[in-house]
């Protein structure tokens, strides 16, 4: 098993290096040659997107001056070329652009994914469902996988309840630590994590793809508040996408002791004793507009790479 993981990681480090160097999505011919499920990163920004509303700071000015620097809100897709199916994790306010990005990748123009998994009821993680509704595309019975409180929230609160009433979406119940089988190659397990749970519980997902495991936790309070060990999860899985909302303390003009997200600097300190192979599994994601990991070639990006970790990039492909 250990040698198998080394082969995966060694190959992935090369793939990751090439992606980080070129930041290009493989061409159509390369897409057609894929025979195994893979990860496709649909966005990397925090809930409010990048640039963020009413931000006139340099971090957002670089997007206004160069629109190519815009980034969609954090989401990943699992694409199965064998069955020609795909599932996305979180329905963000960037959903319109992300569905187009996904369809360009799969060459399934005009299609929706086979299902949408929701992590929680904060604006960047479920409000994209509105584009499936009566005022937009008027979708039909799109499967939406949600935990019990999240499920109930969508059922009884407008305008989301209208999506259920009009059968634009079909709610599918999840239970923590229970497996949902999607096809013979892919399944997903919701893992409950501590976060601001005003409207719903918050989960990450442990996604099993051809016996390879992908961890997706875009939002969590400090790692110390979780009764489980993120270090042990990283050692267990093959790829880990983890909350990197802020790079370090002092990044925003407010008391960051009240900001419960784990800072990237804190996470790298916690993960410092991992093996080089395990460090390479870690992909930071969910960047606030102030986070320098959004800036290609920044000192922050160089630091993360020098310490052996990775950061997610929009359009990144990870073979499994």
C-alpha atoms as a PDB file:
ATOM      1  CA  UNK A   1       0.000   0.000   0.000  1.00  0.00           C
ATOM      2  CA  UNK A   2       2.858   2.352   0.876  1.00  0.00           C
ATOM      3  CA  UNK A   3       4.579   1.835  -2.475  1.00  0.00           C
ATOM      4  CA  UNK A   4       1.241   2.340  -4.229  1.00  0.00           C
ATOM      5  CA  UNK A   5       0.811   5.730  -2.509  1.00  0.00           C
ATOM      6  CA  UNK A   6       4.362   6.706  -3.416  1.00  0.00           C
ATOM      7  CA  UNK A   7       3.672   6.013  -7.089  1.00  0.00           C
ATOM      8  CA  UNK A   8       0.525   8.155  -6.929  1.00  0.00           C
ATOM      9  CA  UNK A   9       2.251  10.983  -5.079  1.00  0.00           C
ATOM     10  CA  UNK A  10       5.416  10.949  -7.149  1.00  0.00           C
ATOM     11  CA  UNK A  11       3.375  11.091 -10.331  1.00  0.00           C
ATOM     12  CA  UNK A  12       1.152  13.761  -8.904  1.00  0.00           C
ATOM     13  CA  UNK A  13       4.061  15.977  -7.832  1.00  0.00           C
ATOM     14  CA  UNK A  14       5.198  16.006 -11.463  1.00  0.00           C
ATOM     15  CA  UNK A  15       1.658  16.778 -12.666  1.00  0.00           C
ATOM     16  CA  UNK A  16       1.315  19.494 -10.024  1.00  0.00           C
ATOM     17  CA  UNK A  17       4.617  21.066 -11.050  1.00  0.00           C
ATOM     18  CA  UNK A  18       3.558  21.176 -14.685  1.00  0.00           C
ATOM     19  CA  UNK A  19       0.191  22.711 -13.796  1.00  0.00           C
ATOM     20  CA  UNK A  20       1.746  25.293 -11.525  1.00  0.00           C
ATOM     21  CA  UNK A  21       4.201  26.190 -14.269  1.00  0.00           C
ATOM     22  CA  UNK A  22       1.709  26.557 -17.104  1.00  0.00           C
ATOM     23  CA  UNK A  23      -1.680  27.076 -15.357  1.00  0.00           C
ATOM     24  CA  UNK A  24      -3.367  25.713 -18.458  1.00  0.00           C
ATOM     25  CA  UNK A  25      -6.224  23.282 -18.768  1.00  0.00           C
ATOM     26  CA  UNK A  26      -5.236  20.272 -20.918  1.00  0.00           C
ATOM     27  CA  UNK A  27      -6.521  20.372 -24.469  1.00  0.00           C
ATOM     28  CA  UNK A  28      -9.453  18.378 -25.803  1.00  0.00           C
ATOM     29  CA  UNK A  29      -7.329  15.505 -27.105  1.00  0.00           C
ATOM     30  CA  UNK A  30      -5.747  15.048 -23.669  1.00  0.00           C
ATOM     31  CA  UNK A  31      -9.206  15.071 -22.084  1.00  0.00           C
ATOM     32  CA  UNK A  32     -10.341  12.294 -24.403  1.00  0.00           C
ATOM     33  CA  UNK A  33      -7.392  10.132 -23.327  1.00  0.00           C
ATOM     34  CA  UNK A  34      -8.375  10.115 -19.642  1.00  0.00           C
ATOM     35  CA  UNK A  35      -9.774   6.769 -18.569  1.00  0.00           C
ATOM     36  CA  UNK A  36      -9.890   7.240 -14.796  1.00  0.00           C
ATOM     37  CA  UNK A  37     -11.824   9.628 -12.533  1.00  0.00           C
ATOM     38  CA  UNK A  38     -10.009  12.824 -11.619  1.00  0.00           C
ATOM     39  CA  UNK A  39     -10.383  16.053  -9.648  1.00  0.00           C
ATOM     40  CA  UNK A  40     -11.062  19.340 -11.413  1.00  0.00           C
ATOM     41  CA  UNK A  41     -10.777  22.518  -9.325  1.00  0.00           C
ATOM     42  CA  UNK A  42     -13.643  24.909 -10.141  1.00  0.00           C
ATOM     43  CA  UNK A  43     -12.686  27.758  -7.810  1.00  0.00           C
ATOM     44  CA  UNK A  44     -10.426  28.732  -4.933  1.00  0.00           C
ATOM     45  CA  UNK A  45     -11.740  32.002  -3.406  1.00  0.00           C
ATOM     46  CA  UNK A  46     -13.568  32.604  -0.125  1.00  0.00           C
ATOM     47  CA  UNK A  47     -17.382  33.003  -0.095  1.00  0.00           C
ATOM     48  CA  UNK A  48     -17.381  36.614  -1.349  1.00  0.00           C
ATOM     49  CA  UNK A  49     -15.189  35.844  -4.363  1.00  0.00           C
ATOM     50  CA  UNK A  50     -12.139  37.549  -5.795  1.00  0.00           C
ATOM     51  CA  UNK A  51     -12.283  40.506  -6.224  1.00  0.00           C
ATOM     52  CA  UNK A  52     -14.495  41.192  -3.222  1.00  0.00           C
ATOM     53  CA  UNK A  53     -17.320  43.735  -3.250  1.00  0.00           C
ATOM     54  CA  UNK A  54     -16.317  47.370  -2.594  1.00  0.00           C
ATOM     55  CA  UNK A  55     -12.640  46.488  -2.163  1.00  0.00           C
ATOM     56  CA  UNK A  56     -10.362  49.191  -3.564  1.00  0.00           C
ATOM     57  CA  UNK A  57      -7.161  47.777  -2.084  1.00  0.00           C
ATOM     58  CA  UNK A  58      -4.265  46.635  -4.250  1.00  0.00           C
ATOM     59  CA  UNK A  59      -5.270  42.995  -3.748  1.00  0.00           C
ATOM     60  CA  UNK A  60      -8.470  43.629  -5.711  1.00  0.00           C
ATOM     61  CA  UNK A  61      -7.148  46.390  -7.981  1.00  0.00           C
ATOM     62  CA  UNK A  62      -4.923  43.781  -9.617  1.00  0.00           C
ATOM     63  CA  UNK A  63      -8.113  42.049 -10.801  1.00  0.00           C
ATOM     64  CA  UNK A  64      -9.765  45.237 -12.031  1.00  0.00           C
ATOM     65  CA  UNK A  65      -6.612  46.039 -13.999  1.00  0.00           C
ATOM     66  CA  UNK A  66      -6.145  42.462 -15.227  1.00  0.00           C
ATOM     67  CA  UNK A  67      -9.467  40.572 -15.269  1.00  0.00           C
ATOM     68  CA  UNK A  68      -7.657  37.279 -15.901  1.00  0.00           C
ATOM     69  CA  UNK A  69      -6.726  37.369 -12.216  1.00  0.00           C
ATOM     70  CA  UNK A  70     -10.364  36.888 -11.177  1.00  0.00           C
ATOM     71  CA  UNK A  71     -11.030  33.672  -9.253  1.00  0.00           C
ATOM     72  CA  UNK A  72     -14.291  31.808  -8.647  1.00  0.00           C
ATOM     73  CA  UNK A  73     -15.456  30.682  -5.214  1.00  0.00           C
ATOM     74  CA  UNK A  74     -14.095  27.430  -3.802  1.00  0.00           C
ATOM     75  CA  UNK A  75     -15.488  24.268  -5.337  1.00  0.00           C
ATOM     76  CA  UNK A  76     -14.173  21.023  -6.767  1.00  0.00           C
ATOM     77  CA  UNK A  77     -15.609  18.498  -9.200  1.00  0.00           C
ATOM     78  CA  UNK A  78     -15.044  14.764  -9.460  1.00  0.00           C
ATOM     79  CA  UNK A  79     -15.172  13.761 -13.135  1.00  0.00           C
ATOM     80  CA  UNK A  80     -15.615  10.155 -14.250  1.00  0.00           C
ATOM     81  CA  UNK A  81     -14.737   9.790 -17.960  1.00  0.00           C
ATOM     82  CA  UNK A  82     -15.805   6.123 -17.883  1.00  0.00           C
ATOM     83  CA  UNK A  83     -19.449   6.762 -17.018  1.00  0.00           C
ATOM     84  CA  UNK A  84     -19.405  10.340 -18.339  1.00  0.00           C
ATOM     85  CA  UNK A  85     -20.642  11.596 -14.978  1.00  0.00           C
ATOM     86  CA  UNK A  86     -19.494  14.368 -12.687  1.00  0.00           C
ATOM     87  CA  UNK A  87     -20.374  15.673  -9.235  1.00  0.00           C
ATOM     88  CA  UNK A  88     -19.542  19.048  -7.728  1.00  0.00           C
ATOM     89  CA  UNK A  89     -18.923  19.971  -4.108  1.00  0.00           C
ATOM     90  CA  UNK A  90     -20.663  23.208  -3.087  1.00  0.00           C
ATOM     91  CA  UNK A  91     -23.023  25.363  -5.155  1.00  0.00           C
ATOM     92  CA  UNK A  92     -21.314  28.749  -5.087  1.00  0.00           C
ATOM     93  CA  UNK A  93     -22.429  32.184  -6.333  1.00  0.00           C
ATOM     94  CA  UNK A  94     -19.940  31.495  -9.164  1.00  0.00           C
ATOM     95  CA  UNK A  95     -21.997  28.485 -10.295  1.00  0.00           C
ATOM     96  CA  UNK A  96     -22.876  29.878 -13.749  1.00  0.00           C
ATOM     97  CA  UNK A  97     -19.213  30.290 -14.675  1.00  0.00           C
ATOM     98  CA  UNK A  98     -18.216  27.061 -12.967  1.00  0.00           C
ATOM     99  CA  UNK A  99     -20.739  24.970 -14.890  1.00  0.00           C
ATOM    100  CA  UNK A 100     -19.364  26.471 -18.108  1.00  0.00           C
ATOM    101  CA  UNK A 101     -15.824  25.701 -16.961  1.00  0.00           C
ATOM    102  CA  UNK A 102     -16.854  22.139 -16.138  1.00  0.00           C
ATOM    103  CA  UNK A 103     -18.673  21.634 -19.449  1.00  0.00           C
ATOM    104  CA  UNK A 104     -15.682  22.947 -21.386  1.00  0.00           C
ATOM    105  CA  UNK A 105     -13.560  20.392 -19.568  1.00  0.00           C
ATOM    106  CA  UNK A 106     -15.900  17.438 -20.153  1.00  0.00           C
ATOM    107  CA  UNK A 107     -17.182  18.589 -23.579  1.00  0.00           C
ATOM    108  CA  UNK A 108     -20.753  18.075 -22.360  1.00  0.00           C
ATOM    109  CA  UNK A 109     -22.126  21.471 -23.331  1.00  0.00           C
ATOM    110  CA  UNK A 110     -25.505  22.333 -21.824  1.00  0.00           C
ATOM    111  CA  UNK A 111     -25.374  19.585 -19.199  1.00  0.00           C
ATOM    112  CA  UNK A 112     -25.566  19.791 -15.428  1.00  0.00           C
ATOM    113  CA  UNK A 113     -23.598  17.536 -13.093  1.00  0.00           C
ATOM    114  CA  UNK A 114     -25.180  14.350 -11.788  1.00  0.00           C
ATOM    115  CA  UNK A 115     -25.298  15.840  -8.314  1.00  0.00           C
ATOM    116  CA  UNK A 116     -24.273  18.671  -5.995  1.00  0.00           C
ATOM    117  CA  UNK A 117     -22.914  18.085  -2.477  1.00  0.00           C
ATOM    118  CA  UNK A 118     -23.285  20.913   0.058  1.00  0.00           C
ATOM    119  CA  UNK A 119     -20.941  21.547   2.975  1.00  0.00           C
ATOM    120  CA  UNK A 120     -23.021  24.143   4.866  1.00  0.00           C
ATOM    121  CA  UNK A 121     -25.340  27.164   4.757  1.00  0.00           C
ATOM    122  CA  UNK A 122     -22.919  30.061   4.370  1.00  0.00           C
ATOM    123  CA  UNK A 123     -23.337  32.215   1.286  1.00  0.00           C
ATOM    124  CA  UNK A 124     -20.405  30.883  -0.713  1.00  0.00           C
ATOM    125  CA  UNK A 125     -21.407  27.263  -0.393  1.00  0.00           C
ATOM    126  CA  UNK A 126     -25.077  26.894  -1.344  1.00  0.00           C
ATOM    127  CA  UNK A 127     -26.539  30.105  -2.846  1.00  0.00           C
ATOM    128  CA  UNK A 128     -25.575  29.076  -6.381  1.00  0.00           C
ATOM    129  CA  UNK A 129     -28.647  26.844  -6.220  1.00  0.00           C
ATOM    130  CA  UNK A 130     -30.646  29.960  -7.164  1.00  0.00           C
ATOM    131  CA  UNK A 131     -29.480  29.606 -10.760  1.00  0.00           C
ATOM    132  CA  UNK A 132     -31.321  26.284 -11.002  1.00  0.00           C
ATOM    133  CA  UNK A 133     -34.635  27.959 -10.167  1.00  0.00           C
ATOM    134  CA  UNK A 134     -37.704  29.409 -11.817  1.00  0.00           C
ATOM    135  CA  UNK A 135     -36.110  32.797 -12.580  1.00  0.00           C
ATOM    136  CA  UNK A 136     -33.061  31.188 -14.165  1.00  0.00           C
ATOM    137  CA  UNK A 137     -32.713  27.862 -16.005  1.00  0.00           C
ATOM    138  CA  UNK A 138     -35.672  26.087 -14.408  1.00  0.00           C
ATOM    139  CA  UNK A 139     -33.744  22.860 -13.893  1.00  0.00           C
ATOM    140  CA  UNK A 140     -35.464  19.554 -13.288  1.00  0.00           C
ATOM    141  CA  UNK A 141     -34.748  17.402 -10.226  1.00  0.00           C
ATOM    142  CA  UNK A 142     -31.044  18.105  -9.862  1.00  0.00           C
ATOM    143  CA  UNK A 143     -29.873  15.874  -6.980  1.00  0.00           C
ATOM    144  CA  UNK A 144     -28.644  18.001  -4.054  1.00  0.00           C
ATOM    145  CA  UNK A 145     -26.962  16.091  -1.228  1.00  0.00           C
ATOM    146  CA  UNK A 146     -27.260  17.757   2.187  1.00  0.00           C
ATOM    147  CA  UNK A 147     -27.036  17.020   5.901  1.00  0.00           C
ATOM    148  CA  UNK A 148     -30.265  16.960   8.011  1.00  0.00           C
ATOM    149  CA  UNK A 149     -30.257  20.613   9.181  1.00  0.00           C
ATOM    150  CA  UNK A 150     -29.139  21.834   5.767  1.00  0.00           C
ATOM    151  CA  UNK A 151     -31.831  19.728   4.134  1.00  0.00           C
ATOM    152  CA  UNK A 152     -34.508  21.132   6.434  1.00  0.00           C
ATOM    153  CA  UNK A 153     -33.252  24.692   5.946  1.00  0.00           C
ATOM    154  CA  UNK A 154     -33.722  24.396   2.181  1.00  0.00           C
ATOM    155  CA  UNK A 155     -37.181  22.863   2.575  1.00  0.00           C
ATOM    156  CA  UNK A 156     -38.724  25.484   4.846  1.00  0.00           C
ATOM    157  CA  UNK A 157     -36.995  28.764   3.942  1.00  0.00           C
ATOM    158  CA  UNK A 158     -37.788  30.751   0.823  1.00  0.00           C
ATOM    159  CA  UNK A 159     -36.614  31.206  -1.833  1.00  0.00           C
ATOM    160  CA  UNK A 160     -34.905  27.810  -1.496  1.00  0.00           C
ATOM    161  CA  UNK A 161     -38.146  26.028  -0.660  1.00  0.00           C
ATOM    162  CA  UNK A 162     -39.442  27.050  -4.084  1.00  0.00           C
ATOM    163  CA  UNK A 163     -36.634  25.050  -5.688  1.00  0.00           C
ATOM    164  CA  UNK A 164     -37.986  22.005  -3.863  1.00  0.00           C
ATOM    165  CA  UNK A 165     -41.659  22.827  -4.567  1.00  0.00           C
ATOM    166  CA  UNK A 166     -41.020  23.362  -8.283  1.00  0.00           C
ATOM    167  CA  UNK A 167     -38.841  20.239  -8.410  1.00  0.00           C
ATOM    168  CA  UNK A 168     -35.846  22.194  -9.670  1.00  0.00           C
ATOM    169  CA  UNK A 169     -33.799  20.251  -7.129  1.00  0.00           C
ATOM    170  CA  UNK A 170     -34.274  16.869  -5.489  1.00  0.00           C
ATOM    171  CA  UNK A 171     -32.938  16.774  -1.944  1.00  0.00           C
ATOM    172  CA  UNK A 172     -30.894  13.733  -0.978  1.00  0.00           C
ATOM    173  CA  UNK A 173     -30.237  13.165   2.710  1.00  0.00           C
ATOM    174  CA  UNK A 174     -26.765  12.663   4.141  1.00  0.00           C
ATOM    175  CA  UNK A 175     -25.709  11.373   7.548  1.00  0.00           C
ATOM    176  CA  UNK A 176     -22.329  12.077   9.085  1.00  0.00           C
ATOM    177  CA  UNK A 177     -19.759   9.326   8.626  1.00  0.00           C
ATOM    178  CA  UNK A 178     -22.136   7.380   6.350  1.00  0.00           C
ATOM    179  CA  UNK A 179     -21.183   6.451   2.794  1.00  0.00           C
ATOM    180  CA  UNK A 180     -23.161   7.611  -0.239  1.00  0.00           C
ATOM    181  CA  UNK A 181     -22.305   5.454  -3.260  1.00  0.00           C
ATOM    182  CA  UNK A 182     -22.377   7.356  -6.556  1.00  0.00           C
ATOM    183  CA  UNK A 183     -21.175   4.620  -8.886  1.00  0.00           C
ATOM    184  CA  UNK A 184     -18.882   1.593  -8.737  1.00  0.00           C
ATOM    185  CA  UNK A 185     -15.806   3.837  -8.611  1.00  0.00           C
ATOM    186  CA  UNK A 186     -16.893   6.836  -6.514  1.00  0.00           C
ATOM    187  CA  UNK A 187     -18.466   7.375  -3.082  1.00  0.00           C
ATOM    188  CA  UNK A 188     -18.557  10.200  -0.526  1.00  0.00           C
ATOM    189  CA  UNK A 189     -18.682  10.406   3.264  1.00  0.00           C
ATOM    190  CA  UNK A 190     -19.644  13.650   5.083  1.00  0.00           C
ATOM    191  CA  UNK A 191     -17.404  14.456   8.056  1.00  0.00           C
ATOM    192  CA  UNK A 192     -18.806  16.968  10.537  1.00  0.00           C
ATOM    193  CA  UNK A 193     -16.466  19.813  11.512  1.00  0.00           C
ATOM    194  CA  UNK A 194     -16.746  22.755  13.944  1.00  0.00           C
ATOM    195  CA  UNK A 195     -17.777  26.040  12.354  1.00  0.00           C
ATOM    196  CA  UNK A 196     -20.364  28.827  12.757  1.00  0.00           C
ATOM    197  CA  UNK A 197     -23.481  26.712  12.437  1.00  0.00           C
ATOM    198  CA  UNK A 198     -26.230  29.342  12.540  1.00  0.00           C
ATOM    199  CA  UNK A 199     -28.402  27.678   9.876  1.00  0.00           C
ATOM    200  CA  UNK A 200     -26.943  24.218   9.318  1.00  0.00           C
ATOM    201  CA  UNK A 201     -24.252  21.865  10.449  1.00  0.00           C
ATOM    202  CA  UNK A 202     -20.913  22.061   8.611  1.00  0.00           C
ATOM    203  CA  UNK A 203     -19.201  19.119   6.963  1.00  0.00           C
ATOM    204  CA  UNK A 204     -16.193  18.291   4.903  1.00  0.00           C
ATOM    205  CA  UNK A 205     -16.157  15.282   2.605  1.00  0.00           C
ATOM    206  CA  UNK A 206     -14.015  12.181   2.359  1.00  0.00           C
ATOM    207  CA  UNK A 207     -14.372  11.169  -1.276  1.00  0.00           C
ATOM    208  CA  UNK A 208     -13.330   7.682  -2.369  1.00  0.00           C
ATOM    209  CA  UNK A 209     -12.309   7.463  -6.019  1.00  0.00           C
ATOM    210  CA  UNK A 210     -11.049   4.078  -7.253  1.00  0.00           C
ATOM    211  CA  UNK A 211      -9.782   3.344  -3.729  1.00  0.00           C
ATOM    212  CA  UNK A 212      -7.930   6.676  -3.620  1.00  0.00           C
ATOM    213  CA  UNK A 213      -9.184   9.135  -1.008  1.00  0.00           C
ATOM    214  CA  UNK A 214      -9.732  12.882  -1.366  1.00  0.00           C
ATOM    215  CA  UNK A 215     -10.398  15.091   1.672  1.00  0.00           C
ATOM    216  CA  UNK A 216     -12.296  18.354   1.070  1.00  0.00           C
ATOM    217  CA  UNK A 217     -12.627  20.752   4.038  1.00  0.00           C
ATOM    218  CA  UNK A 218     -13.017  24.309   2.705  1.00  0.00           C
ATOM    219  CA  UNK A 219     -14.334  25.757   5.999  1.00  0.00           C
ATOM    220  CA  UNK A 220     -13.487  24.876   9.593  1.00  0.00           C
ATOM    221  CA  UNK A 221     -12.715  26.601  12.877  1.00  0.00           C
ATOM    222  CA  UNK A 222      -9.228  26.206  14.361  1.00  0.00           C
ATOM    223  CA  UNK A 223      -7.901  22.663  14.022  1.00  0.00           C
ATOM    224  CA  UNK A 224      -7.650  22.458  17.831  1.00  0.00           C
ATOM    225  CA  UNK A 225     -11.449  22.786  18.112  1.00  0.00           C
ATOM    226  CA  UNK A 226     -11.992  19.564  16.136  1.00  0.00           C
ATOM    227  CA  UNK A 227     -12.155  16.333  18.110  1.00  0.00           C
ATOM    228  CA  UNK A 228     -10.506  14.534  15.198  1.00  0.00           C
ATOM    229  CA  UNK A 229      -6.926  14.826  13.957  1.00  0.00           C
ATOM    230  CA  UNK A 230      -6.362  16.584  10.657  1.00  0.00           C
ATOM    231  CA  UNK A 231      -2.792  15.238  10.688  1.00  0.00           C
ATOM    232  CA  UNK A 232      -4.082  11.659  10.815  1.00  0.00           C
ATOM    233  CA  UNK A 233      -6.527  12.388   8.000  1.00  0.00           C
ATOM    234  CA  UNK A 234      -3.720  13.758   5.818  1.00  0.00           C
ATOM    235  CA  UNK A 235      -1.688  10.629   6.465  1.00  0.00           C
ATOM    236  CA  UNK A 236      -4.695   8.494   5.544  1.00  0.00           C
ATOM    237  CA  UNK A 237      -5.774  10.174   2.306  1.00  0.00           C
ATOM    238  CA  UNK A 238      -4.104  10.732  -1.050  1.00  0.00           C
ATOM    239  CA  UNK A 239      -5.128  14.394  -1.576  1.00  0.00           C
ATOM    240  CA  UNK A 240      -6.316  16.917   1.035  1.00  0.00           C
ATOM    241  CA  UNK A 241      -7.977  20.268   0.254  1.00  0.00           C
ATOM    242  CA  UNK A 242      -7.992  22.292   3.478  1.00  0.00           C
ATOM    243  CA  UNK A 243      -9.252  25.673   4.666  1.00  0.00           C
ATOM    244  CA  UNK A 244      -6.767  28.481   3.945  1.00  0.00           C
ATOM    245  CA  UNK A 245      -9.035  31.508   4.254  1.00  0.00           C
ATOM    246  CA  UNK A 246      -6.254  33.669   5.729  1.00  0.00           C
ATOM    247  CA  UNK A 247      -2.518  33.288   5.315  1.00  0.00           C
ATOM    248  CA  UNK A 248      -1.474  34.809   8.636  1.00  0.00           C
ATOM    249  CA  UNK A 249      -2.511  36.862  11.635  1.00  0.00           C
ATOM    250  CA  UNK A 250      -2.878  40.613  10.979  1.00  0.00           C
ATOM    251  CA  UNK A 251      -4.018  40.112   7.390  1.00  0.00           C
ATOM    252  CA  UNK A 252      -7.244  42.104   7.854  1.00  0.00           C
ATOM    253  CA  UNK A 253      -8.087  45.245   9.854  1.00  0.00           C
ATOM    254  CA  UNK A 254      -9.969  43.572  12.674  1.00  0.00           C
ATOM    255  CA  UNK A 255      -9.248  41.497  15.752  1.00  0.00           C
ATOM    256  CA  UNK A 256      -8.250  38.200  14.193  1.00  0.00           C
ATOM    257  CA  UNK A 257      -8.459  36.396  17.530  1.00  0.00           C
ATOM    258  CA  UNK A 258     -12.160  36.356  16.704  1.00  0.00           C
ATOM    259  CA  UNK A 259     -11.462  34.781  13.297  1.00  0.00           C
ATOM    260  CA  UNK A 260     -11.558  31.057  13.912  1.00  0.00           C
ATOM    261  CA  UNK A 261     -10.251  29.819  10.571  1.00  0.00           C
ATOM    262  CA  UNK A 262      -6.825  28.144  10.777  1.00  0.00           C
ATOM    263  CA  UNK A 263      -4.243  30.504   9.255  1.00  0.00           C
ATOM    264  CA  UNK A 264      -2.014  28.914   6.597  1.00  0.00           C
ATOM    265  CA  UNK A 265       1.040  29.680   8.748  1.00  0.00           C
ATOM    266  CA  UNK A 266      -0.605  27.828  11.669  1.00  0.00           C
ATOM    267  CA  UNK A 267      -1.480  24.841   9.477  1.00  0.00           C
ATOM    268  CA  UNK A 268       2.036  24.591   8.067  1.00  0.00           C
ATOM    269  CA  UNK A 269       3.366  24.620  11.627  1.00  0.00           C
ATOM    270  CA  UNK A 270       0.951  21.869  12.653  1.00  0.00           C
ATOM    271  CA  UNK A 271       1.858  19.807   9.583  1.00  0.00           C
ATOM    272  CA  UNK A 272       5.624  20.390   9.739  1.00  0.00           C
ATOM    273  CA  UNK A 273       6.478  16.899  10.997  1.00  0.00           C
ATOM    274  CA  UNK A 274       4.623  15.126   8.217  1.00  0.00           C
ATOM    275  CA  UNK A 275       6.712  13.211   5.705  1.00  0.00           C
ATOM    276  CA  UNK A 276       7.514  14.889   2.393  1.00  0.00           C
ATOM    277  CA  UNK A 277       5.021  12.558   0.715  1.00  0.00           C
ATOM    278  CA  UNK A 278       2.245  13.536   3.126  1.00  0.00           C
ATOM    279  CA  UNK A 279       3.046  17.252   2.882  1.00  0.00           C
ATOM    280  CA  UNK A 280       2.664  17.078  -0.899  1.00  0.00           C
ATOM    281  CA  UNK A 281      -0.924  15.878  -0.436  1.00  0.00           C
ATOM    282  CA  UNK A 282      -1.953  19.149   1.228  1.00  0.00           C
ATOM    283  CA  UNK A 283      -3.653  21.670  -1.068  1.00  0.00           C
ATOM    284  CA  UNK A 284      -4.687  24.946   0.555  1.00  0.00           C
ATOM    285  CA  UNK A 285      -7.986  26.357  -0.751  1.00  0.00           C
ATOM    286  CA  UNK A 286     -10.746  28.934   0.064  1.00  0.00           C
ATOM    287  CA  UNK A 287      -8.656  32.132  -0.026  1.00  0.00           C
ATOM    288  CA  UNK A 288      -9.938  35.463   1.260  1.00  0.00           C
ATOM    289  CA  UNK A 289      -9.300  38.342  -1.175  1.00  0.00           C
ATOM    290  CA  UNK A 290      -6.472  39.493   1.114  1.00  0.00           C
ATOM    291  CA  UNK A 291      -4.674  36.136   0.996  1.00  0.00           C
ATOM    292  CA  UNK A 292      -1.411  36.415  -1.008  1.00  0.00           C
ATOM    293  CA  UNK A 293      -1.780  32.803  -2.148  1.00  0.00           C
ATOM    294  CA  UNK A 294      -4.084  34.273  -4.816  1.00  0.00           C
ATOM    295  CA  UNK A 295      -1.103  36.071  -6.367  1.00  0.00           C
ATOM    296  CA  UNK A 296       0.977  34.000  -8.750  1.00  0.00           C
ATOM    297  CA  UNK A 297       4.656  34.050  -7.814  1.00  0.00           C
ATOM    298  CA  UNK A 298       4.047  35.722  -4.436  1.00  0.00           C
ATOM    299  CA  UNK A 299       6.351  35.122  -1.485  1.00  0.00           C
ATOM    300  CA  UNK A 300       3.461  33.283   0.159  1.00  0.00           C
ATOM    301  CA  UNK A 301       3.183  30.834  -2.739  1.00  0.00           C
ATOM    302  CA  UNK A 302       6.958  30.314  -2.718  1.00  0.00           C
ATOM    303  CA  UNK A 303       6.923  29.671   1.033  1.00  0.00           C
ATOM    304  CA  UNK A 304       4.171  27.064   0.755  1.00  0.00           C
ATOM    305  CA  UNK A 305       6.000  25.236  -2.034  1.00  0.00           C
ATOM    306  CA  UNK A 306       9.386  25.441  -0.301  1.00  0.00           C
ATOM    307  CA  UNK A 307       7.875  23.851   2.806  1.00  0.00           C
ATOM    308  CA  UNK A 308       6.598  20.979   0.667  1.00  0.00           C
ATOM    309  CA  UNK A 309       2.895  21.871   0.522  1.00  0.00           C
ATOM    310  CA  UNK A 310       0.645  22.832  -2.407  1.00  0.00           C
ATOM    311  CA  UNK A 311      -2.140  25.313  -3.086  1.00  0.00           C
ATOM    312  CA  UNK A 312      -5.183  24.750  -5.259  1.00  0.00           C
ATOM    313  CA  UNK A 313      -5.474  26.668  -8.510  1.00  0.00           C
ATOM    314  CA  UNK A 314      -8.578  27.230 -10.595  1.00  0.00           C
ATOM    315  CA  UNK A 315      -8.617  24.778 -13.501  1.00  0.00           C
ATOM    316  CA  UNK A 316      -6.149  22.438 -11.805  1.00  0.00           C
ATOM    317  CA  UNK A 317      -6.490  18.776 -12.697  1.00  0.00           C
ATOM    318  CA  UNK A 318      -5.387  16.055 -10.288  1.00  0.00           C
ATOM    319  CA  UNK A 319      -5.214  12.532 -11.648  1.00  0.00           C
ATOM    320  CA  UNK A 320      -6.254   9.712  -9.315  1.00  0.00           C
END
